[in-house]
Protein backbone atom coordinates (compact mmCIF):
# COMPACT_ATOMS: atom_id res chain seq x y z
CA MET A 1 0.11 -0.11 0.33
CA TYR A 2 0.99 3.33 -0.56
CA SER A 3 0.07 6.85 0.10
CA ILE A 4 0.61 10.07 -1.79
CA THR A 5 0.51 13.55 -1.73
CA MET A 6 -2.27 15.78 -4.24
CA PRO A 7 -2.76 19.60 -4.15
CA ARG A 8 -5.45 19.80 -1.62
CA ASP A 9 -8.12 21.34 -4.36
CA ILE A 10 -7.63 18.28 -5.90
CA ALA A 11 -8.03 16.30 -2.98
CA GLU A 12 -10.78 17.92 -1.76
CA ALA A 13 -12.39 17.54 -5.55
CA ALA A 14 -11.53 13.64 -5.32
CA LYS A 15 -13.03 13.26 -1.74
CA ALA A 16 -16.54 14.80 -2.39
CA ARG A 17 -16.56 12.67 -5.97
CA SER A 18 -15.34 9.34 -4.59
CA GLY A 19 -18.80 8.92 -2.29
CA PRO A 20 -18.72 6.81 0.87
CA SER A 21 -16.24 4.88 -0.78
CA GLY A 22 -13.67 7.19 -0.15
CA LEU A 23 -10.79 8.68 -1.57
CA SER A 24 -9.59 4.57 -2.35
CA ALA A 25 -12.38 4.46 -5.25
CA TYR A 26 -9.83 6.79 -7.60
CA ALA A 27 -7.28 3.49 -7.25
CA VAL A 28 -9.58 2.13 -10.29
CA THR A 29 -9.23 5.38 -12.03
CA VAL A 30 -5.50 4.73 -11.85
CA ALA A 31 -5.83 1.19 -12.76
CA ARG A 32 -7.45 2.14 -15.89
CA GLN A 33 -5.15 4.74 -16.57
CA ILE A 34 -2.41 2.40 -16.90
CA GLU A 35 -4.30 0.00 -18.78
CA ARG A 36 -5.08 2.98 -21.39
CA ASP A 37 -1.53 3.58 -21.28
CA ASN A 38 -0.44 0.01 -21.64
CA LEU A 39 -2.82 0.03 -24.70
CA ASN A 40 -1.49 3.20 -26.38
CA GLU A 41 2.37 1.67 -26.12
CA PHE A 42 1.43 -1.92 -27.96
CA ILE A 43 -1.32 0.54 -30.62
CA GLN A 44 2.35 2.42 -30.81
CA VAL A 45 4.94 -0.36 -31.56
CA ALA A 46 1.81 -2.00 -33.66
CA GLU A 47 1.45 0.93 -35.90
CA ALA A 48 5.09 1.48 -36.29
CA GLU A 49 5.66 -2.38 -37.51
CA HIS A 50 2.23 -2.75 -39.61
CA GLY A 51 1.19 1.27 -40.58
CA PRO A 52 -1.56 3.17 -38.74
CA VAL A 53 -5.33 1.37 -39.01
CA THR A 54 -6.94 3.48 -41.75
CA ASP A 55 -10.63 4.30 -40.82
CA GLU A 56 -12.07 1.80 -42.92
CA GLU A 57 -10.61 -0.84 -41.15
CA ILE A 58 -11.52 0.86 -38.13
CA GLN A 59 -14.94 0.75 -39.35
CA ALA A 60 -15.18 -2.54 -40.64
CA LEU A 61 -14.20 -3.79 -37.30
CA ARG A 62 -16.62 -2.02 -35.41
CA ASP A 63 -19.57 -3.47 -37.76
CA HIS A 64 -18.34 -7.37 -37.44
CA LEU A 65 -18.17 -6.58 -33.57
CA HIS A 66 -21.97 -5.09 -33.68
CA GLN A 67 -23.23 -8.16 -35.92
CA ALA A 68 -21.22 -10.41 -32.86
CA ARG A 69 -23.21 -8.59 -30.73
CA GLN A 70 -26.88 -8.77 -32.66
CA GLN A 71 -26.26 -12.68 -32.82
CA GLN A 72 -25.83 -13.24 -29.35
CA THR A 73 -28.66 -10.87 -28.45
CA ASP A 74 -30.53 -12.98 -31.36
CA GLY A 75 -29.34 -16.42 -29.69
CA ALA A 76 -30.09 -15.21 -25.73
CA ASP A 77 -33.75 -14.51 -27.29
CA ALA A 78 -34.48 -17.70 -29.07
CA GLY A 79 -33.20 -19.65 -25.91
């Protein structure tokens, strides 16, 4: 376990937003940011090796994901 120091105004704002779970709830936020940072590093390495992902490729993957989710929903309704 670690203790950190932060400016009072930021600590007070975090405390006001965290509710009954207290400031420890913000540990989840830090963990999510680390995951995002790791993902961004992975993307940078992949794009350096394979080139940037195009908007068309992103849209195709979104369409594929949407179709897969729709099939799951349709299958769950039938069962």
